[in-house]
Amino acid sequence: MKFMNASRTTIGYYESGRFKNKSRSTLGYLEANGKVLDRSRTTIGYVENGKILDSSRSNIGYYSSTKTLSRSRRTEVYFSGKKIMNRSRSTIAYCDRNIGQYLDAVVAYLVFFFDIG
């Protein structure tokens, strides 16, 4: 799956459990159990059962098929088809595949690897 910014310029990829930058260098990994690892294979967080957890498994947020929420349940990002939108529903990124099919990977990418600012 390809990640693109709002201008549809490629910014990264998710392929076979690996997050990659636009040059296809590995940034990190997503294991089948929801564990997110950095490039040196250190655990940096988890995405599982609708929760976003940090490396010590403390809750830092939530997610569903339509949005991510902060720990205080404030909506941070919305999903719609292939679009990723901010709180005011402005498009900040795109995927080349339907987000619902890759929800855990999209959430992990946004939280741990994507610099929204």
N, C-alpha and C. Protein backbone atom coordinates (compact mmCIF):
# COMPACT_ATOMS: atom_id res chain seq x y z
N MET A 1 0.84 -1.16 0.00
CA MET A 1 0.00 0.00 0.00
C MET A 1 0.89 1.24 0.00
N LYS A 2 0.48 2.24 -0.74
CA LYS A 2 1.24 3.48 -0.84
C LYS A 2 0.54 4.56 -0.03
N PHE A 3 1.33 5.35 0.72
CA PHE A 3 0.84 6.52 1.44
C PHE A 3 1.27 7.76 0.66
N MET A 4 0.34 8.71 0.51
CA MET A 4 0.62 9.94 -0.20
C MET A 4 0.17 11.13 0.64
N ASN A 5 0.83 12.27 0.48
CA ASN A 5 0.40 13.47 1.19
C ASN A 5 -0.82 14.07 0.48
N ALA A 6 -1.27 15.22 0.94
CA ALA A 6 -2.47 15.85 0.37
C ALA A 6 -2.29 16.22 -1.10
N SER A 7 -1.04 16.42 -1.53
CA SER A 7 -0.76 16.73 -2.93
C SER A 7 -0.58 15.47 -3.77
N ARG A 8 -0.79 14.33 -3.17
CA ARG A 8 -0.66 13.01 -3.81
C ARG A 8 0.78 12.67 -4.20
N THR A 9 1.72 13.23 -3.46
CA THR A 9 3.13 12.86 -3.63
C THR A 9 3.39 11.68 -2.68
N THR A 10 4.05 10.66 -3.17
CA THR A 10 4.31 9.48 -2.35
C THR A 10 5.21 9.84 -1.18
N ILE A 11 4.79 9.42 0.03
CA ILE A 11 5.59 9.68 1.24
C ILE A 11 6.01 8.39 1.93
N GLY A 12 5.42 7.27 1.56
CA GLY A 12 5.80 6.02 2.19
C GLY A 12 4.99 4.85 1.69
N TYR A 13 5.35 3.67 2.19
CA TYR A 13 4.73 2.42 1.77
C TYR A 13 4.54 1.50 2.97
N TYR A 14 3.58 0.59 2.83
CA TYR A 14 3.43 -0.53 3.75
C TYR A 14 3.40 -1.78 2.88
N GLU A 15 4.41 -2.62 3.03
CA GLU A 15 4.54 -3.83 2.21
C GLU A 15 4.97 -5.00 3.08
N SER A 16 4.21 -6.06 3.07
CA SER A 16 4.57 -7.30 3.77
C SER A 16 5.01 -7.08 5.21
N GLY A 17 4.23 -6.29 5.95
CA GLY A 17 4.53 -6.07 7.36
C GLY A 17 5.60 -5.03 7.63
N ARG A 18 6.07 -4.34 6.59
CA ARG A 18 7.13 -3.32 6.75
C ARG A 18 6.62 -1.94 6.34
N PHE A 19 6.97 -0.95 7.16
CA PHE A 19 6.72 0.44 6.81
C PHE A 19 8.00 0.95 6.16
N LYS A 20 7.85 1.63 5.02
CA LYS A 20 9.02 2.12 4.29
C LYS A 20 8.84 3.59 3.94
N ASN A 21 9.95 4.31 3.83
CA ASN A 21 9.88 5.70 3.40
C ASN A 21 9.76 5.75 1.88
N LYS A 22 9.75 6.95 1.30
CA LYS A 22 9.54 7.04 -0.15
C LYS A 22 10.69 6.42 -0.94
N SER A 23 11.86 6.29 -0.32
CA SER A 23 12.99 5.63 -0.99
C SER A 23 12.98 4.12 -0.76
N ARG A 24 11.94 3.66 -0.10
CA ARG A 24 11.73 2.23 0.23
C ARG A 24 12.73 1.67 1.24
N SER A 25 13.32 2.57 2.04
CA SER A 25 14.12 2.11 3.17
C SER A 25 13.16 1.79 4.32
N THR A 26 13.42 0.73 5.04
CA THR A 26 12.52 0.31 6.12
C THR A 26 12.56 1.28 7.29
N LEU A 27 11.37 1.72 7.72
CA LEU A 27 11.21 2.58 8.89
C LEU A 27 10.85 1.76 10.11
N GLY A 28 10.09 0.69 9.89
CA GLY A 28 9.61 -0.13 11.00
C GLY A 28 8.77 -1.28 10.51
N TYR A 29 8.15 -1.96 11.47
CA TYR A 29 7.43 -3.20 11.18
C TYR A 29 6.11 -3.23 11.95
N LEU A 30 5.15 -3.98 11.41
CA LEU A 30 3.91 -4.29 12.10
C LEU A 30 3.77 -5.80 12.11
N GLU A 31 3.81 -6.39 13.31
CA GLU A 31 3.66 -7.84 13.42
C GLU A 31 2.18 -8.20 13.45
N ALA A 32 1.87 -9.45 13.18
CA ALA A 32 0.49 -9.92 13.11
C ALA A 32 -0.26 -9.72 14.43
N ASN A 33 0.44 -9.69 15.54
CA ASN A 33 -0.20 -9.51 16.84
C ASN A 33 -0.43 -8.03 17.19
N GLY A 34 -0.13 -7.12 16.25
CA GLY A 34 -0.36 -5.69 16.48
C GLY A 34 0.83 -4.95 17.06
N LYS A 35 1.93 -5.63 17.28
CA LYS A 35 3.12 -4.98 17.83
C LYS A 35 3.80 -4.16 16.74
N VAL A 36 4.12 -2.91 17.06
CA VAL A 36 4.80 -2.01 16.13
C VAL A 36 6.25 -1.88 16.57
N LEU A 37 7.16 -2.10 15.62
CA LEU A 37 8.59 -2.07 15.91
C LEU A 37 9.27 -1.00 15.06
N ASP A 38 10.34 -0.40 15.59
CA ASP A 38 11.11 0.54 14.77
C ASP A 38 12.09 -0.25 13.91
N ARG A 39 12.93 0.45 13.16
CA ARG A 39 13.82 -0.22 12.22
C ARG A 39 14.82 -1.14 12.90
N SER A 40 15.14 -0.88 14.18
CA SER A 40 16.05 -1.76 14.91
C SER A 40 15.31 -2.87 15.65
N ARG A 41 14.03 -2.99 15.36
CA ARG A 41 13.15 -4.01 15.92
C ARG A 41 12.88 -3.85 17.42
N THR A 42 12.96 -2.60 17.89
CA THR A 42 12.57 -2.27 19.26
C THR A 42 11.07 -1.98 19.25
N THR A 43 10.35 -2.53 20.21
CA THR A 43 8.91 -2.28 20.28
C THR A 43 8.65 -0.82 20.62
N ILE A 44 7.85 -0.15 19.79
CA ILE A 44 7.50 1.25 20.04
C ILE A 44 6.01 1.44 20.33
N GLY A 45 5.22 0.39 20.16
CA GLY A 45 3.80 0.50 20.45
C GLY A 45 3.02 -0.69 19.95
N TYR A 46 1.70 -0.58 20.11
CA TYR A 46 0.79 -1.64 19.70
C TYR A 46 -0.48 -1.03 19.13
N VAL A 47 -1.08 -1.69 18.17
CA VAL A 47 -2.43 -1.36 17.70
C VAL A 47 -3.22 -2.66 17.76
N GLU A 48 -4.19 -2.70 18.66
CA GLU A 48 -4.93 -3.94 18.84
C GLU A 48 -6.32 -3.69 19.41
N ASN A 49 -7.28 -4.37 18.87
CA ASN A 49 -8.65 -4.32 19.37
C ASN A 49 -9.18 -2.90 19.56
N GLY A 50 -8.85 -2.01 18.62
CA GLY A 50 -9.36 -0.65 18.70
C GLY A 50 -8.61 0.26 19.65
N LYS A 51 -7.51 -0.20 20.22
CA LYS A 51 -6.72 0.62 21.14
C LYS A 51 -5.33 0.85 20.56
N ILE A 52 -4.80 2.05 20.85
CA ILE A 52 -3.43 2.39 20.49
C ILE A 52 -2.65 2.45 21.79
N LEU A 53 -1.61 1.64 21.90
CA LEU A 53 -0.84 1.55 23.14
C LEU A 53 0.61 1.94 22.88
N ASP A 54 1.25 2.54 23.90
CA ASP A 54 2.67 2.84 23.75
C ASP A 54 3.49 1.59 24.07
N SER A 55 4.81 1.72 24.08
CA SER A 55 5.67 0.54 24.26
C SER A 55 5.49 -0.14 25.61
N SER A 56 5.03 0.60 26.62
CA SER A 56 4.78 -0.01 27.93
C SER A 56 3.33 -0.48 28.06
N ARG A 57 2.62 -0.48 26.94
CA ARG A 57 1.22 -0.92 26.84
C ARG A 57 0.24 0.02 27.55
N SER A 58 0.65 1.28 27.75
CA SER A 58 -0.27 2.28 28.30
C SER A 58 -1.12 2.81 27.15
N ASN A 59 -2.39 3.03 27.42
CA ASN A 59 -3.32 3.48 26.39
C ASN A 59 -3.02 4.92 25.99
N ILE A 60 -2.80 5.15 24.68
CA ILE A 60 -2.59 6.52 24.19
C ILE A 60 -3.67 6.94 23.20
N GLY A 61 -4.61 6.04 22.92
CA GLY A 61 -5.69 6.40 22.00
C GLY A 61 -6.52 5.22 21.58
N TYR A 62 -7.47 5.50 20.70
CA TYR A 62 -8.41 4.50 20.21
C TYR A 62 -8.54 4.66 18.70
N TYR A 63 -9.06 3.64 18.04
CA TYR A 63 -9.34 3.76 16.61
C TYR A 63 -10.51 2.87 16.23
N SER A 64 -11.15 3.29 15.13
CA SER A 64 -12.23 2.50 14.54
C SER A 64 -12.07 2.60 13.03
N SER A 65 -12.98 2.05 12.30
CA SER A 65 -12.89 2.09 10.84
C SER A 65 -13.12 3.49 10.28
N THR A 66 -13.58 4.43 11.11
CA THR A 66 -13.85 5.78 10.61
C THR A 66 -12.99 6.88 11.22
N LYS A 67 -12.27 6.58 12.33
CA LYS A 67 -11.48 7.65 12.96
C LYS A 67 -10.51 7.12 14.01
N THR A 68 -9.58 8.00 14.41
CA THR A 68 -8.73 7.74 15.57
C THR A 68 -9.10 8.77 16.63
N LEU A 69 -8.95 8.38 17.87
CA LEU A 69 -9.28 9.26 18.98
C LEU A 69 -8.11 9.32 19.95
N SER A 70 -7.96 10.45 20.61
CA SER A 70 -6.94 10.58 21.65
C SER A 70 -7.41 9.78 22.88
N ARG A 71 -6.55 9.70 23.88
CA ARG A 71 -6.92 8.99 25.10
C ARG A 71 -8.16 9.60 25.74
N SER A 72 -8.33 10.92 25.60
CA SER A 72 -9.50 11.60 26.17
C SER A 72 -10.71 11.53 25.23
N ARG A 73 -10.59 10.72 24.18
CA ARG A 73 -11.65 10.47 23.20
C ARG A 73 -11.94 11.63 22.26
N ARG A 74 -10.99 12.53 22.08
CA ARG A 74 -11.12 13.61 21.10
C ARG A 74 -10.72 13.05 19.74
N THR A 75 -11.54 13.30 18.73
CA THR A 75 -11.22 12.82 17.39
C THR A 75 -9.97 13.52 16.87
N GLU A 76 -9.01 12.72 16.39
CA GLU A 76 -7.77 13.25 15.85
C GLU A 76 -7.76 13.19 14.32
N VAL A 77 -8.18 12.06 13.77
CA VAL A 77 -8.12 11.83 12.33
C VAL A 77 -9.36 11.06 11.90
N TYR A 78 -9.89 11.40 10.74
CA TYR A 78 -11.01 10.67 10.14
C TYR A 78 -10.53 9.87 8.94
N PHE A 79 -11.20 8.74 8.68
CA PHE A 79 -10.92 7.92 7.50
C PHE A 79 -12.17 7.86 6.64
N SER A 80 -11.98 7.89 5.34
CA SER A 80 -13.10 7.72 4.42
C SER A 80 -12.54 7.14 3.12
N GLY A 81 -12.85 5.89 2.85
CA GLY A 81 -12.35 5.25 1.64
C GLY A 81 -10.84 5.19 1.62
N LYS A 82 -10.23 6.02 0.78
CA LYS A 82 -8.77 6.08 0.65
C LYS A 82 -8.20 7.37 1.24
N LYS A 83 -9.06 8.20 1.86
CA LYS A 83 -8.64 9.50 2.38
C LYS A 83 -8.42 9.47 3.89
N ILE A 84 -7.42 10.25 4.32
CA ILE A 84 -7.15 10.50 5.74
C ILE A 84 -7.34 11.99 5.95
N MET A 85 -8.20 12.36 6.90
CA MET A 85 -8.55 13.77 7.11
C MET A 85 -8.29 14.19 8.55
N ASN A 86 -7.98 15.47 8.73
CA ASN A 86 -7.78 16.00 10.08
C ASN A 86 -9.12 16.30 10.75
N ARG A 87 -9.07 16.88 11.96
CA ARG A 87 -10.30 17.16 12.71
C ARG A 87 -11.29 18.02 11.94
N SER A 88 -10.80 18.95 11.13
CA SER A 88 -11.71 19.81 10.37
C SER A 88 -12.08 19.21 9.02
N ARG A 89 -11.74 17.93 8.85
CA ARG A 89 -12.08 17.15 7.67
C ARG A 89 -11.38 17.62 6.39
N SER A 90 -10.24 18.27 6.55
CA SER A 90 -9.39 18.58 5.40
C SER A 90 -8.51 17.37 5.14
N THR A 91 -8.35 17.01 3.89
CA THR A 91 -7.54 15.84 3.56
C THR A 91 -6.06 16.13 3.84
N ILE A 92 -5.43 15.22 4.61
CA ILE A 92 -4.00 15.37 4.92
C ILE A 92 -3.17 14.29 4.25
N ALA A 93 -3.83 13.20 3.84
CA ALA A 93 -3.09 12.11 3.19
C ALA A 93 -4.06 11.19 2.47
N TYR A 94 -3.50 10.37 1.60
CA TYR A 94 -4.25 9.36 0.85
C TYR A 94 -3.52 8.02 0.92
N CYS A 95 -4.26 6.97 0.70
CA CYS A 95 -3.70 5.63 0.49
C CYS A 95 -4.15 5.19 -0.90
N ASP A 96 -3.40 4.29 -1.50
CA ASP A 96 -3.83 3.82 -2.82
C ASP A 96 -4.77 2.62 -2.72
N ARG A 97 -5.06 2.20 -1.50
CA ARG A 97 -6.00 1.10 -1.26
C ARG A 97 -7.02 1.56 -0.22
N ASN A 98 -8.12 0.85 -0.12
CA ASN A 98 -9.15 1.19 0.86
C ASN A 98 -8.59 1.01 2.27
N ILE A 99 -8.71 2.02 3.08
CA ILE A 99 -8.14 2.02 4.43
C ILE A 99 -8.69 0.89 5.28
N GLY A 100 -9.96 0.58 5.14
CA GLY A 100 -10.58 -0.47 5.95
C GLY A 100 -9.90 -1.82 5.86
N GLN A 101 -9.32 -2.13 4.72
CA GLN A 101 -8.64 -3.41 4.54
C GLN A 101 -7.28 -3.45 5.23
N TYR A 102 -6.73 -2.30 5.55
CA TYR A 102 -5.39 -2.19 6.15
C TYR A 102 -5.43 -1.31 7.40
N LEU A 103 -6.54 -1.34 8.13
CA LEU A 103 -6.78 -0.39 9.21
C LEU A 103 -5.65 -0.37 10.24
N ASP A 104 -5.22 -1.52 10.75
CA ASP A 104 -4.16 -1.54 11.76
C ASP A 104 -2.88 -0.92 11.21
N ALA A 105 -2.54 -1.21 9.97
CA ALA A 105 -1.32 -0.66 9.37
C ALA A 105 -1.43 0.85 9.19
N VAL A 106 -2.59 1.34 8.77
CA VAL A 106 -2.78 2.78 8.58
C VAL A 106 -2.67 3.50 9.92
N VAL A 107 -3.32 2.97 10.95
CA VAL A 107 -3.26 3.59 12.27
C VAL A 107 -1.82 3.58 12.79
N ALA A 108 -1.14 2.44 12.68
CA ALA A 108 0.25 2.36 13.14
C ALA A 108 1.13 3.36 12.41
N TYR A 109 0.95 3.49 11.10
CA TYR A 109 1.74 4.44 10.31
C TYR A 109 1.49 5.87 10.78
N LEU A 110 0.22 6.23 10.94
CA LEU A 110 -0.11 7.59 11.36
C LEU A 110 0.46 7.93 12.73
N VAL A 111 0.32 7.01 13.67
CA VAL A 111 0.73 7.29 15.04
C VAL A 111 2.24 7.24 15.22
N PHE A 112 2.89 6.26 14.62
CA PHE A 112 4.30 6.03 14.92
C PHE A 112 5.29 6.50 13.85
N PHE A 113 4.84 6.71 12.61
CA PHE A 113 5.79 7.04 11.55
C PHE A 113 5.45 8.28 10.73
N PHE A 114 4.20 8.71 10.72
CA PHE A 114 3.78 9.82 9.87
C PHE A 114 3.87 11.13 10.62
N ASP A 115 4.62 12.08 10.10
CA ASP A 115 4.73 13.40 10.71
C ASP A 115 3.66 14.29 10.09
N ILE A 116 2.54 14.43 10.80
CA ILE A 116 1.41 15.20 10.27
C ILE A 116 1.77 16.67 10.14
N GLY A 117 2.54 17.20 11.08
CA GLY A 117 2.90 18.62 11.05
C GLY A 117 3.91 18.85 10.04
